Amino acid sequence: MEPMMFEGPRGAIAYRESGGRGRPVVLVHGNSASMRAFERQMSAPLGQALRLIAIDLPGHGRSADAHDASGYGLPAYADVLVAFASDRGLQDAIFVGWSLGGHIILEAVPALPQARGFMIFGTPPLGFPPAMDKAFLPNPAMGLGFAADITRSQAQQYVESFFRPGWSDIPASFVDDVMRTDGRARAELAAGIVPGGYRDEIEVVANLDRPLAVLHGAREQLVNGTYFETLRMPTLWRQSVQVLPDAGHAPQWEDAVAFNTLLAAFVADVG
């Protein structure tokens, strides 16, 4: 299916909608990925039951590269997400973010006052300076997510870190998406880790006034699950982080049935 296009503030943005109806659910992918990371939601029965909208970030997937480097980084991505939601009448959507996508959603929270709820996974909320050694597990693949230029072999290594150890069915589309991504997008993420470079996400989740679902793959290779225990999240859905025992960093792909069940339940609960 050919994506639809939205002329955003940073260039043309590609997006797809599933066939479902009801309250919209906006899906935001991770670093060096694309909307294809949500294929097991869009094409599943969940996509016929819910109105799912998946976007490609600037410099990713079928979207255009940003006009210049200022079009990348958390504030720029949040601007794009808010503009897209406003233009398409999605201000009251439920916003779901995977990895970088979750950080983008937390960055955008103040500009999405009508949003019904938020779901993040593979996303440890960060303050400043970010406690990277506590929020993330030591994994050499992490650095590749900030490298402007990487080889296909390195892209394969990076993608392998998304899945639980021993996962053998690495989707070629994930590797292709890493290779397609504008290298400036990764480099600007690293450059943005400076005072004022992003919103204090620990404060965002501590002061949130709407439901927040947090999912975590028990077999993560990147995010440290114990880090969530240090955070105050008063609107946390079901009062706990929802752990998927058979998944790593990409539960929406590794255990789509369990993930889709949780997403459907969250949507039903928040209305």
C-alpha atoms as a PDB file:
ATOM      1  CA  MET A   1       0.000   0.000   0.000  1.00  0.00           C
ATOM      2  CA  GLU A   2       1.365   3.382  -1.008  1.00  0.00           C
ATOM      3  CA  PRO A   3       1.627   5.807   1.915  1.00  0.00           C
ATOM      4  CA  MET A   4      -0.199   9.103   2.054  1.00  0.00           C
ATOM      5  CA  MET A   5       1.800  12.290   2.402  1.00  0.00           C
ATOM      6  CA  PHE A   6       1.629  15.297   4.711  1.00  0.00           C
ATOM      7  CA  GLU A   7       3.641  18.438   4.014  1.00  0.00           C
ATOM      8  CA  GLY A   8       5.100  19.015   7.460  1.00  0.00           C
ATOM      9  CA  PRO A   9       7.223  21.839   8.846  1.00  0.00           C
ATOM     10  CA  ARG A  10      10.394  19.829   8.165  1.00  0.00           C
ATOM     11  CA  GLY A  11       9.436  18.358   4.784  1.00  0.00           C
ATOM     12  CA  ALA A  12       7.060  15.735   3.414  1.00  0.00           C
ATOM     13  CA  ILE A  13       5.950  13.094   5.919  1.00  0.00           C
ATOM     14  CA  ALA A  14       4.678   9.673   4.862  1.00  0.00           C
ATOM     15  CA  TYR A  15       1.937   7.935   6.828  1.00  0.00           C
ATOM     16  CA  ARG A  16      -0.527   5.058   6.624  1.00  0.00           C
ATOM     17  CA  GLU A  17      -3.906   4.416   8.197  1.00  0.00           C
ATOM     18  CA  SER A  18      -5.429   1.040   8.968  1.00  0.00           C
ATOM     19  CA  GLY A  19      -9.038   0.223   8.134  1.00  0.00           C
ATOM     20  CA  GLY A  20     -10.393   0.462  11.659  1.00  0.00           C
ATOM     21  CA  ARG A  21     -12.591   3.169  13.133  1.00  0.00           C
ATOM     22  CA  GLY A  22     -13.012   4.858  16.471  1.00  0.00           C
ATOM     23  CA  ARG A  23     -10.530   6.883  18.461  1.00  0.00           C
ATOM     24  CA  PRO A  24      -7.293   7.274  16.507  1.00  0.00           C
ATOM     25  CA  VAL A  25      -4.035   5.728  17.698  1.00  0.00           C
ATOM     26  CA  VAL A  26      -0.861   7.361  16.361  1.00  0.00           C
ATOM     27  CA  LEU A  27       2.189   5.091  16.149  1.00  0.00           C
ATOM     28  CA  VAL A  28       5.705   6.589  16.203  1.00  0.00           C
ATOM     29  CA  HIS A  29       8.665   4.370  15.332  1.00  0.00           C
ATOM     30  CA  GLY A  30      12.180   4.290  16.718  1.00  0.00           C
ATOM     31  CA  ASN A  31      15.608   5.504  15.642  1.00  0.00           C
ATOM     32  CA  SER A  32      16.561   4.463  12.090  1.00  0.00           C
ATOM     33  CA  ALA A  33      13.314   2.537  11.632  1.00  0.00           C
ATOM     34  CA  SER A  34      10.059   3.326   9.830  1.00  0.00           C
ATOM     35  CA  MET A  35       6.331   2.739   9.973  1.00  0.00           C
ATOM     36  CA  ARG A  36       7.087  -0.809   8.776  1.00  0.00           C
ATOM     37  CA  ALA A  37       8.083  -1.624  12.368  1.00  0.00           C
ATOM     38  CA  PHE A  38       4.321  -1.579  13.109  1.00  0.00           C
ATOM     39  CA  GLU A  39       3.310  -3.898  10.266  1.00  0.00           C
ATOM     40  CA  ARG A  40       2.177  -6.569  12.759  1.00  0.00           C
ATOM     41  CA  GLN A  41      -0.288  -4.060  14.159  1.00  0.00           C
ATOM     42  CA  MET A  42      -1.437  -2.352  10.955  1.00  0.00           C
ATOM     43  CA  SER A  43      -2.104  -5.598   9.067  1.00  0.00           C
ATOM     44  CA  ALA A  44      -3.416  -7.587  12.037  1.00  0.00           C
ATOM     45  CA  PRO A  45      -7.024  -7.814  13.214  1.00  0.00           C
ATOM     46  CA  LEU A  46      -6.067  -4.996  15.590  1.00  0.00           C
ATOM     47  CA  GLY A  47      -5.762  -2.682  12.581  1.00  0.00           C
ATOM     48  CA  GLN A  48      -9.305  -3.520  11.531  1.00  0.00           C
ATOM     49  CA  ALA A  49     -10.626  -2.984  15.049  1.00  0.00           C
ATOM     50  CA  LEU A  50      -8.760   0.275  15.744  1.00  0.00           C
ATOM     51  CA  ARG A  51      -7.915   3.312  13.648  1.00  0.00           C
ATOM     52  CA  LEU A  52      -4.126   3.057  13.616  1.00  0.00           C
ATOM     53  CA  ILE A  53      -2.036   5.791  11.993  1.00  0.00           C
ATOM     54  CA  ALA A  54       1.687   5.116  11.545  1.00  0.00           C
ATOM     55  CA  ILE A  55       4.110   7.806  10.382  1.00  0.00           C
ATOM     56  CA  ASP A  56       7.655   7.938   9.056  1.00  0.00           C
ATOM     57  CA  LEU A  57       9.785  10.522  10.846  1.00  0.00           C
ATOM     58  CA  PRO A  58      11.797  13.036   8.785  1.00  0.00           C
ATOM     59  CA  GLY A  59      14.809  11.347   7.239  1.00  0.00           C
ATOM     60  CA  HIS A  60      13.280   7.899   7.761  1.00  0.00           C
ATOM     61  CA  GLY A  61      11.316   5.477   5.606  1.00  0.00           C
ATOM     62  CA  ARG A  62       9.298   7.118   2.833  1.00  0.00           C
ATOM     63  CA  SER A  63       9.440  10.599   4.359  1.00  0.00           C
ATOM     64  CA  ALA A  64      11.710  13.285   2.947  1.00  0.00           C
ATOM     65  CA  ASP A  65      15.018  14.145   4.547  1.00  0.00           C
ATOM     66  CA  ALA A  66      14.870  17.284   6.658  1.00  0.00           C
ATOM     67  CA  HIS A  67      15.865  20.486   4.882  1.00  0.00           C
ATOM     68  CA  ASP A  68      18.842  20.844   7.223  1.00  0.00           C
ATOM     69  CA  ALA A  69      20.226  19.300  10.412  1.00  0.00           C
ATOM     70  CA  SER A  70      17.935  21.458  12.578  1.00  0.00           C
ATOM     71  CA  GLY A  71      15.069  19.289  11.354  1.00  0.00           C
ATOM     72  CA  TYR A  72      16.314  16.399  13.468  1.00  0.00           C
ATOM     73  CA  GLY A  73      16.423  15.818  17.220  1.00  0.00           C
ATOM     74  CA  LEU A  74      13.657  15.520  19.804  1.00  0.00           C
ATOM     75  CA  PRO A  75      12.234  19.078  19.649  1.00  0.00           C
ATOM     76  CA  ALA A  76      12.102  19.001  15.840  1.00  0.00           C
ATOM     77  CA  TYR A  77      10.454  15.575  15.753  1.00  0.00           C
ATOM     78  CA  ALA A  78       7.937  16.676  18.375  1.00  0.00           C
ATOM     79  CA  ASP A  79       7.087  19.722  16.246  1.00  0.00           C
ATOM     80  CA  VAL A  80       6.422  17.440  13.289  1.00  0.00           C
ATOM     81  CA  LEU A  81       4.235  15.109  15.348  1.00  0.00           C
ATOM     82  CA  VAL A  82       2.167  17.974  16.771  1.00  0.00           C
ATOM     83  CA  ALA A  83       1.769  19.584  13.332  1.00  0.00           C
ATOM     84  CA  PHE A  84       0.685  16.255  11.848  1.00  0.00           C
ATOM     85  CA  ALA A  85      -1.846  15.666  14.631  1.00  0.00           C
ATOM     86  CA  SER A  86      -3.252  19.178  14.246  1.00  0.00           C
ATOM     87  CA  ASP A  87      -3.497  19.013  10.463  1.00  0.00           C
ATOM     88  CA  ARG A  88      -5.186  15.602  10.475  1.00  0.00           C
ATOM     89  CA  GLY A  89      -7.535  16.279  13.390  1.00  0.00           C
ATOM     90  CA  LEU A  90      -5.776  13.786  15.664  1.00  0.00           C
ATOM     91  CA  GLN A  91      -5.294  16.002  18.708  1.00  0.00           C
ATOM     92  CA  ASP A  92      -7.432  13.668  20.856  1.00  0.00           C
ATOM     93  CA  ALA A  93      -5.616  10.520  19.739  1.00  0.00           C
ATOM     94  CA  ILE A  94      -3.770   8.002  21.850  1.00  0.00           C
ATOM     95  CA  PHE A  95      -0.061   8.340  21.082  1.00  0.00           C
ATOM     96  CA  VAL A  96       2.143   5.241  21.048  1.00  0.00           C
ATOM     97  CA  GLY A  97       5.930   5.458  20.772  1.00  0.00           C
ATOM     98  CA  TRP A  98       8.578   2.797  20.371  1.00  0.00           C
ATOM     99  CA  SER A  99      12.114   3.607  21.633  1.00  0.00           C
ATOM    100  CA  LEU A 100      12.975   7.026  20.140  1.00  0.00           C
ATOM    101  CA  GLY A 101       9.289   7.351  19.295  1.00  0.00           C
ATOM    102  CA  GLY A 102       8.468   7.220  22.992  1.00  0.00           C
ATOM    103  CA  HIS A 103      10.951   9.985  23.734  1.00  0.00           C
ATOM    104  CA  ILE A 104       9.363  12.068  20.965  1.00  0.00           C
ATOM    105  CA  ILE A 105       5.931  11.603  22.495  1.00  0.00           C
ATOM    106  CA  LEU A 106       7.184  12.658  25.936  1.00  0.00           C
ATOM    107  CA  GLU A 107       8.779  15.724  24.321  1.00  0.00           C
ATOM    108  CA  ALA A 108       5.432  16.572  22.699  1.00  0.00           C
ATOM    109  CA  VAL A 109       3.195  16.022  25.753  1.00  0.00           C
ATOM    110  CA  PRO A 110       2.730  19.731  26.657  1.00  0.00           C
ATOM    111  CA  ALA A 111       1.674  20.490  23.071  1.00  0.00           C
ATOM    112  CA  LEU A 112      -0.875  17.643  23.026  1.00  0.00           C
ATOM    113  CA  PRO A 113      -3.325  18.744  25.744  1.00  0.00           C
ATOM    114  CA  GLN A 114      -6.259  16.869  24.202  1.00  0.00           C
ATOM    115  CA  ALA A 115      -4.482  13.534  23.871  1.00  0.00           C
ATOM    116  CA  ARG A 116      -6.370  10.764  25.666  1.00  0.00           C
ATOM    117  CA  GLY A 117      -3.333   8.796  26.706  1.00  0.00           C
ATOM    118  CA  PHE A 118       0.202   7.764  25.932  1.00  0.00           C
ATOM    119  CA  MET A 119       1.978   4.419  25.568  1.00  0.00           C
ATOM    120  CA  ILE A 120       5.762   4.038  25.458  1.00  0.00           C
ATOM    121  CA  PHE A 121       7.947   0.951  25.168  1.00  0.00           C
ATOM    122  CA  GLY A 122      11.687   0.584  24.801  1.00  0.00           C
ATOM    123  CA  THR A 123      11.733   4.123  26.209  1.00  0.00           C
ATOM    124  CA  PRO A 124      13.262   4.865  29.627  1.00  0.00           C
ATOM    125  CA  PRO A 125      12.305   8.491  30.496  1.00  0.00           C
ATOM    126  CA  LEU A 126      15.486  10.535  30.825  1.00  0.00           C
ATOM    127  CA  GLY A 127      16.365  13.653  32.809  1.00  0.00           C
ATOM    128  CA  PHE A 128      19.425  15.835  32.415  1.00  0.00           C
ATOM    129  CA  PRO A 129      22.120  14.838  32.436  1.00  0.00           C
ATOM    130  CA  PRO A 130      20.713  11.510  31.265  1.00  0.00           C
ATOM    131  CA  ALA A 131      21.543   8.540  33.481  1.00  0.00           C
ATOM    132  CA  MET A 132      22.508   6.430  30.485  1.00  0.00           C
ATOM    133  CA  ASP A 133      24.401   3.903  32.607  1.00  0.00           C
ATOM    134  CA  LYS A 134      21.276   3.253  34.674  1.00  0.00           C
ATOM    135  CA  ALA A 135      18.602   3.520  31.980  1.00  0.00           C
ATOM    136  CA  PHE A 136      20.374   1.342  29.429  1.00  0.00           C
ATOM    137  CA  LEU A 137      22.236  -1.944  29.433  1.00  0.00           C
ATOM    138  CA  PRO A 138      25.845  -2.074  28.227  1.00  0.00           C
ATOM    139  CA  ASN A 139      25.618  -3.035  24.581  1.00  0.00           C
ATOM    140  CA  PRO A 140      28.134  -2.037  21.886  1.00  0.00           C
ATOM    141  CA  ALA A 141      25.297  -1.660  19.377  1.00  0.00           C
ATOM    142  CA  MET A 142      23.991   1.388  21.261  1.00  0.00           C
ATOM    143  CA  GLY A 143      26.653   3.650  19.798  1.00  0.00           C
ATOM    144  CA  LEU A 144      25.572   2.809  16.251  1.00  0.00           C
ATOM    145  CA  GLY A 145      22.317   4.626  16.884  1.00  0.00           C
ATOM    146  CA  PHE A 146      24.270   7.894  17.030  1.00  0.00           C
ATOM    147  CA  ALA A 147      26.663   7.270  14.120  1.00  0.00           C
ATOM    148  CA  ALA A 148      26.162   9.276  10.943  1.00  0.00           C
ATOM    149  CA  ASP A 149      27.724   6.646   8.705  1.00  0.00           C
ATOM    150  CA  ILE A 150      27.347   2.914   9.213  1.00  0.00           C
ATOM    151  CA  THR A 151      27.909  -0.119   7.030  1.00  0.00           C
ATOM    152  CA  ARG A 152      25.262  -2.722   6.294  1.00  0.00           C
ATOM    153  CA  SER A 153      27.086  -5.113   8.614  1.00  0.00           C
ATOM    154  CA  GLN A 154      26.833  -2.551  11.398  1.00  0.00           C
ATOM    155  CA  ALA A 155      23.173  -1.972  10.555  1.00  0.00           C
ATOM    156  CA  GLN A 156      22.604  -5.699  10.969  1.00  0.00           C
ATOM    157  CA  GLN A 157      24.344  -5.603  14.361  1.00  0.00           C
ATOM    158  CA  TYR A 158      22.223  -2.634  15.420  1.00  0.00           C
ATOM    159  CA  VAL A 159      18.973  -4.343  14.401  1.00  0.00           C
ATOM    160  CA  GLU A 160      19.945  -7.574  16.140  1.00  0.00           C
ATOM    161  CA  SER A 161      20.014  -5.630  19.411  1.00  0.00           C
ATOM    162  CA  PHE A 162      16.300  -4.874  18.971  1.00  0.00           C
ATOM    163  CA  PHE A 163      15.381  -8.506  19.487  1.00  0.00           C
ATOM    164  CA  ARG A 164      15.776 -10.947  22.331  1.00  0.00           C
ATOM    165  CA  PRO A 165      19.026 -12.938  22.433  1.00  0.00           C
ATOM    166  CA  GLY A 166      18.960 -15.819  20.001  1.00  0.00           C
ATOM    167  CA  TRP A 167      16.229 -14.346  17.809  1.00  0.00           C
ATOM    168  CA  SER A 168      17.105 -15.619  14.326  1.00  0.00           C
ATOM    169  CA  ASP A 169      14.343 -14.154  12.148  1.00  0.00           C
ATOM    170  CA  ILE A 170      15.805 -10.667  11.694  1.00  0.00           C
ATOM    171  CA  PRO A 171      13.535  -8.800   9.237  1.00  0.00           C
ATOM    172  CA  ALA A 172      15.462  -7.512   6.229  1.00  0.00           C
ATOM    173  CA  SER A 173      13.132  -4.506   6.198  1.00  0.00           C
ATOM    174  CA  PHE A 174      14.541  -3.348   9.555  1.00  0.00           C
ATOM    175  CA  VAL A 175      18.091  -3.413   8.186  1.00  0.00           C
ATOM    176  CA  ASP A 176      16.975  -1.693   4.987  1.00  0.00           C
ATOM    177  CA  ASP A 177      15.362   1.037   7.079  1.00  0.00           C
ATOM    178  CA  VAL A 178      18.598   1.659   8.983  1.00  0.00           C
ATOM    179  CA  MET A 179      20.493   2.002   5.709  1.00  0.00           C
ATOM    180  CA  ARG A 180      17.874   4.358   4.261  1.00  0.00           C
ATOM    181  CA  THR A 181      17.895   6.698   7.281  1.00  0.00           C
ATOM    182  CA  ASP A 182      19.590  10.057   6.811  1.00  0.00           C
ATOM    183  CA  GLY A 183      22.813   9.786   8.836  1.00  0.00           C
ATOM    184  CA  ARG A 184      22.306  13.347  10.066  1.00  0.00           C
ATOM    185  CA  ALA A 185      19.272  12.120  11.985  1.00  0.00           C
ATOM    186  CA  ARG A 186      21.429   9.825  14.122  1.00  0.00           C
ATOM    187  CA  ALA A 187      24.209  12.375  14.523  1.00  0.00           C
ATOM    188  CA  GLU A 188      21.786  15.085  15.668  1.00  0.00           C
ATOM    189  CA  LEU A 189      20.415  12.805  18.385  1.00  0.00           C
ATOM    190  CA  ALA A 190      23.882  12.707  19.916  1.00  0.00           C
ATOM    191  CA  ALA A 191      24.350  16.443  19.417  1.00  0.00           C
ATOM    192  CA  GLY A 192      21.060  17.107  21.196  1.00  0.00           C
ATOM    193  CA  ILE A 193      22.242  15.701  24.530  1.00  0.00           C
ATOM    194  CA  VAL A 194      23.013  19.150  25.885  1.00  0.00           C
ATOM    195  CA  PRO A 195      21.271  21.461  28.380  1.00  0.00           C
ATOM    196  CA  GLY A 196      18.017  22.542  26.788  1.00  0.00           C
ATOM    197  CA  GLY A 197      18.388  19.969  24.036  1.00  0.00           C
ATOM    198  CA  TYR A 198      15.340  18.025  25.170  1.00  0.00           C
ATOM    199  CA  ARG A 199      12.589  18.145  27.774  1.00  0.00           C
ATOM    200  CA  ASP A 200      13.175  16.561  31.202  1.00  0.00           C
ATOM    201  CA  GLU A 201      11.182  13.378  30.659  1.00  0.00           C
ATOM    202  CA  ILE A 202      11.389  12.355  34.311  1.00  0.00           C
ATOM    203  CA  GLU A 203       9.459  15.516  35.177  1.00  0.00           C
ATOM    204  CA  VAL A 204       7.029  14.899  32.310  1.00  0.00           C
ATOM    205  CA  VAL A 205       5.979  11.458  33.561  1.00  0.00           C
ATOM    206  CA  ALA A 206       5.955  12.625  37.202  1.00  0.00           C
ATOM    207  CA  ASN A 207       3.528  15.461  36.388  1.00  0.00           C
ATOM    208  CA  LEU A 208       1.441  13.797  33.702  1.00  0.00           C
ATOM    209  CA  ASP A 209      -2.308  14.217  34.127  1.00  0.00           C
ATOM    210  CA  ARG A 210      -3.367  11.528  31.655  1.00  0.00           C
ATOM    211  CA  PRO A 211      -2.892   7.762  31.499  1.00  0.00           C
ATOM    212  CA  LEU A 212       0.569   6.482  30.652  1.00  0.00           C
ATOM    213  CA  ALA A 213       1.156   2.864  29.679  1.00  0.00           C
ATOM    214  CA  VAL A 214       4.731   1.607  29.903  1.00  0.00           C
ATOM    215  CA  LEU A 215       5.627  -1.727  28.310  1.00  0.00           C
ATOM    216  CA  HIS A 216       8.927  -3.562  28.682  1.00  0.00           C
ATOM    217  CA  GLY A 217      10.358  -6.662  27.073  1.00  0.00           C
ATOM    218  CA  ALA A 218      11.802  -8.915  29.768  1.00  0.00           C
ATOM    219  CA  ARG A 219      14.575 -10.022  27.406  1.00  0.00           C
ATOM    220  CA  GLU A 220      15.713  -6.536  26.433  1.00  0.00           C
ATOM    221  CA  GLN A 221      19.263  -6.055  25.223  1.00  0.00           C
ATOM    222  CA  LEU A 222      19.161  -2.258  25.398  1.00  0.00           C
ATOM    223  CA  VAL A 223      16.860  -0.928  28.157  1.00  0.00           C
ATOM    224  CA  ASN A 224      17.381  -1.721  31.846  1.00  0.00           C
ATOM    225  CA  GLY A 225      14.006  -2.702  33.254  1.00  0.00           C
ATOM    226  CA  THR A 226      14.949  -1.956  36.859  1.00  0.00           C
ATOM    227  CA  TYR A 227      15.390   1.716  35.935  1.00  0.00           C
ATOM    228  CA  PHE A 228      11.612   2.195  35.814  1.00  0.00           C
ATOM    229  CA  GLU A 229      11.462   1.424  39.541  1.00  0.00           C
ATOM    230  CA  THR A 230      13.319   4.684  40.232  1.00  0.00           C
ATOM    231  CA  LEU A 231      10.701   6.845  38.498  1.00  0.00           C
ATOM    232  CA  ARG A 232       7.535   8.446  39.841  1.00  0.00           C
ATOM    233  CA  MET A 233       4.714   7.812  37.377  1.00  0.00           C
ATOM    234  CA  PRO A 234       1.419   8.585  39.162  1.00  0.00           C
ATOM    235  CA  THR A 235      -0.796   7.969  36.112  1.00  0.00           C
ATOM    236  CA  LEU A 236       0.858   4.659  35.215  1.00  0.00           C
ATOM    237  CA  TRP A 237      -1.689   2.343  33.617  1.00  0.00           C
ATOM    238  CA  ARG A 238      -2.596  -0.602  35.838  1.00  0.00           C
ATOM    239  CA  GLN A 239      -0.166   0.853  38.396  1.00  0.00           C
ATOM    240  CA  SER A 240       2.737  -1.120  36.979  1.00  0.00           C
ATOM    241  CA  VAL A 241       5.029  -1.531  34.002  1.00  0.00           C
ATOM    242  CA  GLN A 242       3.565  -4.195  31.713  1.00  0.00           C
ATOM    243  CA  VAL A 243       6.256  -6.807  31.116  1.00  0.00           C
ATOM    244  CA  LEU A 244       6.246  -9.025  28.027  1.00  0.00           C
ATOM    245  CA  PRO A 245       8.265 -12.100  29.067  1.00  0.00           C
ATOM    246  CA  ASP A 246       9.107 -13.362  25.577  1.00  0.00           C
ATOM    247  CA  ALA A 247      10.181 -10.085  23.993  1.00  0.00           C
ATOM    248  CA  GLY A 248      13.195  -7.824  23.800  1.00  0.00           C
ATOM    249  CA  HIS A 249      13.327  -4.231  22.577  1.00  0.00           C
ATOM    250  CA  ALA A 250      10.752  -4.724  19.792  1.00  0.00           C
ATOM    251  CA  PRO A 251       7.757  -6.447  21.445  1.00  0.00           C
ATOM    252  CA  GLN A 252       5.390  -5.133  18.774  1.00  0.00           C
ATOM    253  CA  TRP A 253       7.202  -7.474  16.375  1.00  0.00           C
ATOM    254  CA  GLU A 254       8.558 -10.293  18.570  1.00  0.00           C
ATOM    255  CA  ASP A 255       5.322 -10.961  20.456  1.00  0.00           C
ATOM    256  CA  ALA A 256       2.720  -9.101  18.441  1.00  0.00           C
ATOM    257  CA  VAL A 257      -0.219 -11.029  19.886  1.00  0.00           C
ATOM    258  CA  ALA A 258       0.604 -10.075  23.474  1.00  0.00           C
ATOM    259  CA  PHE A 259       1.503  -6.519  22.453  1.00  0.00           C
ATOM    260  CA  ASN A 260      -1.700  -6.044  20.463  1.00  0.00           C
ATOM    261  CA  THR A 261      -3.759  -7.360  23.351  1.00  0.00           C
ATOM    262  CA  LEU A 262      -2.220  -4.806  25.695  1.00  0.00           C
ATOM    263  CA  LEU A 263      -2.659  -1.956  23.232  1.00  0.00           C
ATOM    264  CA  ALA A 264      -6.307  -2.847  22.637  1.00  0.00           C
ATOM    265  CA  ALA A 265      -6.915  -3.004  26.389  1.00  0.00           C
ATOM    266  CA  PHE A 266      -5.263   0.365  26.958  1.00  0.00           C
ATOM    267  CA  VAL A 267      -7.339   1.983  24.201  1.00  0.00           C
ATOM    268  CA  ALA A 268     -10.507   0.495  25.685  1.00  0.00           C
ATOM    269  CA  ASP A 269      -9.629   1.749  29.167  1.00  0.00           C
ATOM    270  CA  VAL A 270      -8.804   5.330  28.220  1.00  0.00           C
ATOM    271  CA  GLY A 271     -11.677   5.658  25.743  1.00  0.00           C
END
